[in-house]
Amino acid sequence: MNFANSKLCTSQTGATLVELLLSIVIVAIAASAVLGVLSTTNASSADPMLRHQAASIAEAYLEEILLKSFDDPDGVDGEVARVDFDDVDDYDGLLDAGARDQFGNPIAALSDYSVSVSVSSSAALPGVPAADVLRVDINVAWQSRIDFIVSSYRTRL
């Protein structure tokens, strides 16, 4: 019997139990890290759409407000119904639970958003008297995840 042949017969190839357990643990850690990243990405995948909708709502409210007169055209300040708002400062303090159109009608698909409007006089524009400048701030929120603010100025000039 040849010594080299007998050595080949007794040598074994394969993995031990410890090596198998170690490789299973390493694969499990890697898989859990990948799944954690995927779940985080999936949970916030709708956020860009929600932000875009919030921005669109804020821009629509801002456009509606800025198209109104600086001064009250009928001399009656503080109209109650949104359909009767005829100047910029009538919108001060407006709180809408759910986005609404310019007539105050709710938009069902956007009912989860809340909109608040603040109108105040401002001295932020150089060369323009503070009495001739109104700052309009619109805050659009969706649950506690989205809080979008748009601001603009309306001048008498």
C-alpha atoms as a PDB file:
ATOM      1  CA  MET A   1       0.000   0.000   0.000  1.00  0.00           C
ATOM      2  CA  ASN A   2       1.316   3.342  -0.980  1.00  0.00           C
ATOM      3  CA  PHE A   3       1.454   6.007   1.752  1.00  0.00           C
ATOM      4  CA  ALA A   4       0.279   8.800  -0.599  1.00  0.00           C
ATOM      5  CA  ASN A   5      -2.835   6.857  -1.641  1.00  0.00           C
ATOM      6  CA  SER A   6      -3.848   6.124   1.936  1.00  0.00           C
ATOM      7  CA  LYS A   7      -3.575   9.791   2.864  1.00  0.00           C
ATOM      8  CA  LEU A   8      -5.918  10.760   0.032  1.00  0.00           C
ATOM      9  CA  CYS A   9      -8.510   8.330   1.216  1.00  0.00           C
ATOM     10  CA  THR A  10      -8.584   9.623   4.780  1.00  0.00           C
ATOM     11  CA  SER A  11      -8.698  13.369   4.014  1.00  0.00           C
ATOM     12  CA  GLN A  12     -12.180  14.897   4.011  1.00  0.00           C
ATOM     13  CA  THR A  13     -13.525  17.957   2.250  1.00  0.00           C
ATOM     14  CA  GLY A  14     -16.547  20.067   3.276  1.00  0.00           C
ATOM     15  CA  ALA A  15     -17.550  22.494   6.005  1.00  0.00           C
ATOM     16  CA  THR A  16     -17.759  21.975   9.698  1.00  0.00           C
ATOM     17  CA  LEU A  17     -20.818  22.766  11.743  1.00  0.00           C
ATOM     18  CA  VAL A  18     -19.153  25.894  13.162  1.00  0.00           C
ATOM     19  CA  GLU A  19     -18.365  27.181   9.671  1.00  0.00           C
ATOM     20  CA  LEU A  20     -21.942  26.606   8.555  1.00  0.00           C
ATOM     21  CA  LEU A  21     -23.383  28.432  11.583  1.00  0.00           C
ATOM     22  CA  LEU A  22     -20.988  31.341  11.078  1.00  0.00           C
ATOM     23  CA  SER A  23     -21.932  31.686   7.405  1.00  0.00           C
ATOM     24  CA  ILE A  24     -25.672  31.549   8.272  1.00  0.00           C
ATOM     25  CA  VAL A  25     -25.232  34.325  10.850  1.00  0.00           C
ATOM     26  CA  ILE A  26     -23.311  36.519   8.379  1.00  0.00           C
ATOM     27  CA  VAL A  27     -25.956  36.031   5.654  1.00  0.00           C
ATOM     28  CA  ALA A  28     -28.756  36.777   8.150  1.00  0.00           C
ATOM     29  CA  ILE A  29     -27.108  40.045   9.250  1.00  0.00           C
ATOM     30  CA  ALA A  30     -26.586  41.135   5.635  1.00  0.00           C
ATOM     31  CA  ALA A  31     -30.161  40.230   4.679  1.00  0.00           C
ATOM     32  CA  SER A  32     -31.632  42.104   7.642  1.00  0.00           C
ATOM     33  CA  ALA A  33     -29.606  45.214   6.732  1.00  0.00           C
ATOM     34  CA  VAL A  34     -30.845  45.090   3.132  1.00  0.00           C
ATOM     35  CA  LEU A  35     -34.455  44.515   4.227  1.00  0.00           C
ATOM     36  CA  GLY A  36     -34.193  47.422   6.696  1.00  0.00           C
ATOM     37  CA  VAL A  37     -33.119  49.779   3.908  1.00  0.00           C
ATOM     38  CA  LEU A  38     -35.903  48.516   1.645  1.00  0.00           C
ATOM     39  CA  SER A  39     -38.573  48.994   4.308  1.00  0.00           C
ATOM     40  CA  THR A  40     -37.394  52.555   5.027  1.00  0.00           C
ATOM     41  CA  THR A  41     -37.425  53.355   1.316  1.00  0.00           C
ATOM     42  CA  ASN A  42     -40.854  51.819   0.874  1.00  0.00           C
ATOM     43  CA  ALA A  43     -42.324  53.656   3.869  1.00  0.00           C
ATOM     44  CA  SER A  44     -41.350  57.054   2.465  1.00  0.00           C
ATOM     45  CA  SER A  45     -41.900  56.350  -1.224  1.00  0.00           C
ATOM     46  CA  ALA A  46     -45.141  58.384  -1.313  1.00  0.00           C
ATOM     47  CA  ASP A  47     -43.575  61.453   0.315  1.00  0.00           C
ATOM     48  CA  PRO A  48     -42.533  63.149  -2.973  1.00  0.00           C
ATOM     49  CA  MET A  49     -46.100  62.915  -4.262  1.00  0.00           C
ATOM     50  CA  LEU A  50     -47.490  64.291  -0.987  1.00  0.00           C
ATOM     51  CA  ARG A  51     -44.988  67.167  -1.039  1.00  0.00           C
ATOM     52  CA  HIS A  52     -45.878  67.969  -4.638  1.00  0.00           C
ATOM     53  CA  GLN A  53     -49.588  67.987  -3.799  1.00  0.00           C
ATOM     54  CA  ALA A  54     -48.929  70.233  -0.782  1.00  0.00           C
ATOM     55  CA  ALA A  55     -46.930  72.620  -2.982  1.00  0.00           C
ATOM     56  CA  SER A  56     -49.714  72.682  -5.577  1.00  0.00           C
ATOM     57  CA  ILE A  57     -52.341  73.403  -2.919  1.00  0.00           C
ATOM     58  CA  ALA A  58     -50.228  76.212  -1.444  1.00  0.00           C
ATOM     59  CA  GLU A  59     -49.616  77.741  -4.873  1.00  0.00           C
ATOM     60  CA  ALA A  60     -53.334  77.609  -5.716  1.00  0.00           C
ATOM     61  CA  TYR A  61     -54.261  79.381  -2.465  1.00  0.00           C
ATOM     62  CA  LEU A  62     -51.465  81.921  -2.982  1.00  0.00           C
ATOM     63  CA  GLU A  63     -52.550  82.696  -6.523  1.00  0.00           C
ATOM     64  CA  GLU A  64     -56.159  83.119  -5.430  1.00  0.00           C
ATOM     65  CA  ILE A  65     -55.162  85.511  -2.639  1.00  0.00           C
ATOM     66  CA  LEU A  66     -52.671  87.577  -4.633  1.00  0.00           C
ATOM     67  CA  LEU A  67     -55.201  88.150  -7.404  1.00  0.00           C
ATOM     68  CA  LYS A  68     -57.473  89.959  -4.937  1.00  0.00           C
ATOM     69  CA  SER A  69     -57.346  93.698  -4.399  1.00  0.00           C
ATOM     70  CA  PHE A  70     -54.939  95.191  -1.842  1.00  0.00           C
ATOM     71  CA  ASP A  71     -57.596  97.585  -0.539  1.00  0.00           C
ATOM     72  CA  ASP A  72     -61.159  96.575   0.224  1.00  0.00           C
ATOM     73  CA  PRO A  73     -63.178  97.571  -2.876  1.00  0.00           C
ATOM     74  CA  ASP A  74     -66.608  97.586  -1.213  1.00  0.00           C
ATOM     75  CA  GLY A  75     -65.509  99.205   2.061  1.00  0.00           C
ATOM     76  CA  VAL A  76     -66.791  96.262   4.120  1.00  0.00           C
ATOM     77  CA  ASP A  77     -63.907  94.556   5.863  1.00  0.00           C
ATOM     78  CA  GLY A  78     -63.939  91.025   7.239  1.00  0.00           C
ATOM     79  CA  GLU A  79     -66.321  89.129   4.984  1.00  0.00           C
ATOM     80  CA  VAL A  80     -67.325  85.822   6.567  1.00  0.00           C
ATOM     81  CA  ALA A  81     -67.783  83.481   3.593  1.00  0.00           C
ATOM     82  CA  ARG A  82     -64.787  82.692   1.439  1.00  0.00           C
ATOM     83  CA  VAL A  83     -66.803  83.255  -1.721  1.00  0.00           C
ATOM     84  CA  ASP A  84     -67.266  86.876  -0.550  1.00  0.00           C
ATOM     85  CA  PHE A  85     -63.553  87.559   0.125  1.00  0.00           C
ATOM     86  CA  ASP A  86     -62.665  90.548  -2.045  1.00  0.00           C
ATOM     87  CA  ASP A  87     -59.309  91.720  -0.701  1.00  0.00           C
ATOM     88  CA  VAL A  88     -56.077  90.154   0.540  1.00  0.00           C
ATOM     89  CA  ASP A  89     -56.534  90.725   4.269  1.00  0.00           C
ATOM     90  CA  ASP A  90     -59.913  88.912   4.271  1.00  0.00           C
ATOM     91  CA  TYR A  91     -57.905  85.685   4.108  1.00  0.00           C
ATOM     92  CA  ASP A  92     -56.047  86.358   7.356  1.00  0.00           C
ATOM     93  CA  GLY A  93     -56.742  83.532   9.803  1.00  0.00           C
ATOM     94  CA  LEU A  94     -58.317  81.229   7.217  1.00  0.00           C
ATOM     95  CA  LEU A  95     -58.154  77.606   8.424  1.00  0.00           C
ATOM     96  CA  ASP A  96     -59.334  74.854   6.088  1.00  0.00           C
ATOM     97  CA  ALA A  97     -59.482  71.236   7.204  1.00  0.00           C
ATOM     98  CA  GLY A  98     -59.033  69.713   3.783  1.00  0.00           C
ATOM     99  CA  ALA A  99     -58.156  71.677   0.666  1.00  0.00           C
ATOM    100  CA  ARG A 100     -60.967  73.729  -0.840  1.00  0.00           C
ATOM    101  CA  ASP A 101     -61.568  75.505  -4.109  1.00  0.00           C
ATOM    102  CA  GLN A 102     -61.917  79.289  -4.438  1.00  0.00           C
ATOM    103  CA  PHE A 103     -65.611  79.075  -3.584  1.00  0.00           C
ATOM    104  CA  GLY A 104     -64.990  77.170  -0.354  1.00  0.00           C
ATOM    105  CA  ASN A 105     -66.162  73.805  -1.686  1.00  0.00           C
ATOM    106  CA  PRO A 106     -64.157  70.860  -0.309  1.00  0.00           C
ATOM    107  CA  ILE A 107     -62.001  68.820  -2.678  1.00  0.00           C
ATOM    108  CA  ALA A 108     -62.614  65.228  -1.588  1.00  0.00           C
ATOM    109  CA  ALA A 109     -59.321  63.784  -2.856  1.00  0.00           C
ATOM    110  CA  LEU A 110     -57.369  66.351  -0.816  1.00  0.00           C
ATOM    111  CA  SER A 111     -59.307  66.079   2.433  1.00  0.00           C
ATOM    112  CA  ASP A 112     -56.292  64.886   4.451  1.00  0.00           C
ATOM    113  CA  TYR A 113     -54.499  68.218   4.037  1.00  0.00           C
ATOM    114  CA  SER A 114     -54.978  71.205   6.308  1.00  0.00           C
ATOM    115  CA  VAL A 115     -54.392  74.751   5.114  1.00  0.00           C
ATOM    116  CA  SER A 116     -53.829  77.871   7.197  1.00  0.00           C
ATOM    117  CA  VAL A 117     -53.337  81.414   5.912  1.00  0.00           C
ATOM    118  CA  SER A 118     -51.743  84.366   7.659  1.00  0.00           C
ATOM    119  CA  VAL A 119     -51.717  87.900   6.257  1.00  0.00           C
ATOM    120  CA  SER A 120     -49.709  90.610   8.006  1.00  0.00           C
ATOM    121  CA  SER A 121     -48.195  93.990   7.226  1.00  0.00           C
ATOM    122  CA  SER A 122     -44.471  93.909   6.606  1.00  0.00           C
ATOM    123  CA  ALA A 123     -41.529  96.281   6.347  1.00  0.00           C
ATOM    124  CA  ALA A 124     -39.381  93.697   4.575  1.00  0.00           C
ATOM    125  CA  LEU A 125     -39.282  95.373   1.165  1.00  0.00           C
ATOM    126  CA  PRO A 126     -36.767  98.221   0.989  1.00  0.00           C
ATOM    127  CA  GLY A 127     -38.112 101.456  -0.408  1.00  0.00           C
ATOM    128  CA  VAL A 128     -41.750 100.465   0.063  1.00  0.00           C
ATOM    129  CA  PRO A 129     -43.614 101.826   3.097  1.00  0.00           C
ATOM    130  CA  ALA A 130     -44.776  99.132   5.531  1.00  0.00           C
ATOM    131  CA  ALA A 131     -48.381 100.328   5.161  1.00  0.00           C
ATOM    132  CA  ASP A 132     -48.195  99.398   1.472  1.00  0.00           C
ATOM    133  CA  VAL A 133     -46.921  95.818   1.935  1.00  0.00           C
ATOM    134  CA  LEU A 134     -48.757  92.688   3.037  1.00  0.00           C
ATOM    135  CA  ARG A 135     -46.994  89.380   3.632  1.00  0.00           C
ATOM    136  CA  VAL A 136     -49.050  86.286   2.866  1.00  0.00           C
ATOM    137  CA  ASP A 137     -47.980  83.000   4.488  1.00  0.00           C
ATOM    138  CA  ILE A 138     -49.688  79.755   3.548  1.00  0.00           C
ATOM    139  CA  ASN A 139     -49.032  76.584   5.515  1.00  0.00           C
ATOM    140  CA  VAL A 140     -50.174  73.257   4.069  1.00  0.00           C
ATOM    141  CA  ALA A 141     -49.801  70.188   6.292  1.00  0.00           C
ATOM    142  CA  TRP A 142     -50.473  66.497   5.829  1.00  0.00           C
ATOM    143  CA  GLN A 143     -50.680  64.536   9.067  1.00  0.00           C
ATOM    144  CA  SER A 144     -47.372  65.053  10.875  1.00  0.00           C
ATOM    145  CA  ARG A 145     -45.125  64.174   7.933  1.00  0.00           C
ATOM    146  CA  ILE A 146     -45.548  67.117   5.565  1.00  0.00           C
ATOM    147  CA  ASP A 147     -45.447  70.781   6.570  1.00  0.00           C
ATOM    148  CA  PHE A 148     -45.117  73.026   3.522  1.00  0.00           C
ATOM    149  CA  ILE A 149     -44.965  76.820   3.799  1.00  0.00           C
ATOM    150  CA  VAL A 150     -45.165  79.339   0.957  1.00  0.00           C
ATOM    151  CA  SER A 151     -44.791  83.094   1.478  1.00  0.00           C
ATOM    152  CA  SER A 152     -45.209  86.069  -0.800  1.00  0.00           C
ATOM    153  CA  TYR A 153     -45.719  89.817  -0.670  1.00  0.00           C
ATOM    154  CA  ARG A 154     -48.563  91.896  -2.049  1.00  0.00           C
ATOM    155  CA  THR A 155     -48.047  95.625  -2.452  1.00  0.00           C
ATOM    156  CA  ARG A 156     -50.460  98.473  -2.934  1.00  0.00           C
ATOM    157  CA  LEU A 157     -48.339  99.820  -5.801  1.00  0.00           C
END
